[in-house]
Amino acid sequence: MRRNVLVLITIALAASSFMAPAEILPSPTIPESGPLRPVGTVSASGASNLDDLQAKLAQKAHEQGAIAWRINSANSANKMSGTAIIYK
């Protein structure tokens, strides 16, 4: 009996931990102009880590006038490189 109670408590705790992040993260919003359309890609190379690559891709997307961007590839041989789709 005690084992069954412990199993039920464990399942309840596990289920609640999976549901918590969904409440914390805000839902994505669509800009007032309507849905975003892909308009091209940007690429970056020579990054030392993923954060650096993300920053380089974000900067290039911003320079192109993108409202949003999404990384679609990342590679690492010695230095990181990657590409992102930009949206307007």
C-alpha atoms as a PDB file:
ATOM      1  CA  MET A   1       0.000   0.000   0.000  1.00  0.00           C
ATOM      2  CA  ARG A   2       2.738   2.420   0.960  1.00  0.00           C
ATOM      3  CA  ARG A   3       4.578   1.637  -2.274  1.00  0.00           C
ATOM      4  CA  ASN A   4       1.463   2.474  -4.316  1.00  0.00           C
ATOM      5  CA  VAL A   5       1.154   5.841  -2.584  1.00  0.00           C
ATOM      6  CA  LEU A   6       4.804   6.632  -3.299  1.00  0.00           C
ATOM      7  CA  VAL A   7       4.370   5.693  -6.962  1.00  0.00           C
ATOM      8  CA  LEU A   8       1.307   7.946  -7.270  1.00  0.00           C
ATOM      9  CA  ILE A   9       3.119  10.859  -5.614  1.00  0.00           C
ATOM     10  CA  THR A  10       6.101  10.394  -7.943  1.00  0.00           C
ATOM     11  CA  ILE A  11       3.856  10.369 -11.010  1.00  0.00           C
ATOM     12  CA  ALA A  12       2.020  13.496  -9.826  1.00  0.00           C
ATOM     13  CA  LEU A  13       5.283  15.363  -9.225  1.00  0.00           C
ATOM     14  CA  ALA A  14       6.690  14.325 -12.595  1.00  0.00           C
ATOM     15  CA  ALA A  15       3.532  15.410 -14.414  1.00  0.00           C
ATOM     16  CA  SER A  16       3.468  18.789 -12.681  1.00  0.00           C
ATOM     17  CA  SER A  17       7.125  19.452 -13.520  1.00  0.00           C
ATOM     18  CA  PHE A  18       6.424  18.892 -17.223  1.00  0.00           C
ATOM     19  CA  MET A  19       3.451  21.257 -17.184  1.00  0.00           C
ATOM     20  CA  ALA A  20       5.172  24.132 -15.368  1.00  0.00           C
ATOM     21  CA  PRO A  21       7.404  25.419 -18.206  1.00  0.00           C
ATOM     22  CA  ALA A  22       4.401  25.908 -20.505  1.00  0.00           C
ATOM     23  CA  GLU A  23       2.911  28.381 -18.047  1.00  0.00           C
ATOM     24  CA  ILE A  24       6.165  30.279 -17.589  1.00  0.00           C
ATOM     25  CA  LEU A  25       7.003  30.869 -21.246  1.00  0.00           C
ATOM     26  CA  PRO A  26       4.960  33.535 -23.046  1.00  0.00           C
ATOM     27  CA  SER A  27       3.166  32.443 -26.178  1.00  0.00           C
ATOM     28  CA  PRO A  28       4.519  33.807 -29.464  1.00  0.00           C
ATOM     29  CA  THR A  29       2.542  36.660 -30.966  1.00  0.00           C
ATOM     30  CA  ILE A  30       1.853  37.514 -34.589  1.00  0.00           C
ATOM     31  CA  PRO A  31       2.652  41.120 -35.491  1.00  0.00           C
ATOM     32  CA  GLU A  32      -0.239  43.403 -36.405  1.00  0.00           C
ATOM     33  CA  SER A  33       0.797  43.277 -40.059  1.00  0.00           C
ATOM     34  CA  GLY A  34      -0.203  39.608 -40.250  1.00  0.00           C
ATOM     35  CA  PRO A  35       1.744  36.381 -40.539  1.00  0.00           C
ATOM     36  CA  LEU A  36       5.462  36.531 -41.185  1.00  0.00           C
ATOM     37  CA  ARG A  37       6.854  35.550 -44.578  1.00  0.00           C
ATOM     38  CA  PRO A  38      10.339  34.117 -45.179  1.00  0.00           C
ATOM     39  CA  VAL A  39      12.339  36.567 -47.296  1.00  0.00           C
ATOM     40  CA  GLY A  40      15.821  35.052 -47.371  1.00  0.00           C
ATOM     41  CA  THR A  41      18.682  33.672 -45.360  1.00  0.00           C
ATOM     42  CA  VAL A  42      21.726  34.965 -43.539  1.00  0.00           C
ATOM     43  CA  SER A  43      24.892  33.083 -42.654  1.00  0.00           C
ATOM     44  CA  ALA A  44      27.695  33.550 -40.180  1.00  0.00           C
ATOM     45  CA  SER A  45      30.969  31.801 -39.452  1.00  0.00           C
ATOM     46  CA  GLY A  46      33.926  31.997 -37.099  1.00  0.00           C
ATOM     47  CA  ALA A  47      31.859  31.812 -33.908  1.00  0.00           C
ATOM     48  CA  SER A  48      33.502  30.289 -30.850  1.00  0.00           C
ATOM     49  CA  ASN A  49      30.258  28.910 -29.335  1.00  0.00           C
ATOM     50  CA  LEU A  50      26.494  28.713 -29.929  1.00  0.00           C
ATOM     51  CA  ASP A  51      25.774  32.001 -28.155  1.00  0.00           C
ATOM     52  CA  ASP A  52      28.330  33.780 -30.331  1.00  0.00           C
ATOM     53  CA  LEU A  53      26.850  32.220 -33.484  1.00  0.00           C
ATOM     54  CA  GLN A  54      23.348  33.240 -32.427  1.00  0.00           C
ATOM     55  CA  ALA A  55      24.496  36.816 -31.809  1.00  0.00           C
ATOM     56  CA  LYS A  56      26.194  37.004 -35.220  1.00  0.00           C
ATOM     57  CA  LEU A  57      23.118  35.652 -37.006  1.00  0.00           C
ATOM     58  CA  ALA A  58      20.850  38.045 -35.086  1.00  0.00           C
ATOM     59  CA  GLN A  59      23.027  41.005 -36.056  1.00  0.00           C
ATOM     60  CA  LYS A  60      22.974  40.055 -39.740  1.00  0.00           C
ATOM     61  CA  ALA A  61      19.205  39.481 -39.651  1.00  0.00           C
ATOM     62  CA  HIS A  62      18.729  42.903 -38.063  1.00  0.00           C
ATOM     63  CA  GLU A  63      20.915  44.517 -40.745  1.00  0.00           C
ATOM     64  CA  GLN A  64      18.648  42.947 -43.398  1.00  0.00           C
ATOM     65  CA  GLY A  65      15.583  44.462 -41.707  1.00  0.00           C
ATOM     66  CA  ALA A  66      14.152  41.163 -40.499  1.00  0.00           C
ATOM     67  CA  ILE A  67      11.371  41.133 -37.918  1.00  0.00           C
ATOM     68  CA  ALA A  68      12.221  37.568 -36.876  1.00  0.00           C
ATOM     69  CA  TRP A  69      14.727  34.867 -37.716  1.00  0.00           C
ATOM     70  CA  ARG A  70      15.153  31.142 -37.108  1.00  0.00           C
ATOM     71  CA  ILE A  71      18.403  29.175 -37.121  1.00  0.00           C
ATOM     72  CA  ASN A  72      18.075  26.269 -39.536  1.00  0.00           C
ATOM     73  CA  SER A  73      21.651  24.931 -39.473  1.00  0.00           C
ATOM     74  CA  ALA A  74      24.716  25.042 -37.263  1.00  0.00           C
ATOM     75  CA  ASN A  75      28.041  23.286 -37.846  1.00  0.00           C
ATOM     76  CA  SER A  76      31.196  22.992 -35.824  1.00  0.00           C
ATOM     77  CA  ALA A  77      34.512  21.867 -37.233  1.00  0.00           C
ATOM     78  CA  ASN A  78      36.947  24.147 -35.429  1.00  0.00           C
ATOM     79  CA  LYS A  79      34.832  27.299 -35.333  1.00  0.00           C
ATOM     80  CA  MET A  80      31.049  27.357 -35.556  1.00  0.00           C
ATOM     81  CA  SER A  81      29.090  28.415 -38.618  1.00  0.00           C
ATOM     82  CA  GLY A  82      25.409  28.447 -39.413  1.00  0.00           C
ATOM     83  CA  THR A  83      22.517  29.862 -41.383  1.00  0.00           C
ATOM     84  CA  ALA A  84      19.170  31.347 -40.428  1.00  0.00           C
ATOM     85  CA  ILE A  85      15.953  32.037 -42.308  1.00  0.00           C
ATOM     86  CA  ILE A  86      14.818  35.651 -41.951  1.00  0.00           C
ATOM     87  CA  TYR A  87      11.189  36.779 -41.869  1.00  0.00           C
ATOM     88  CA  LYS A  88       9.462  40.090 -42.551  1.00  0.00           C
END
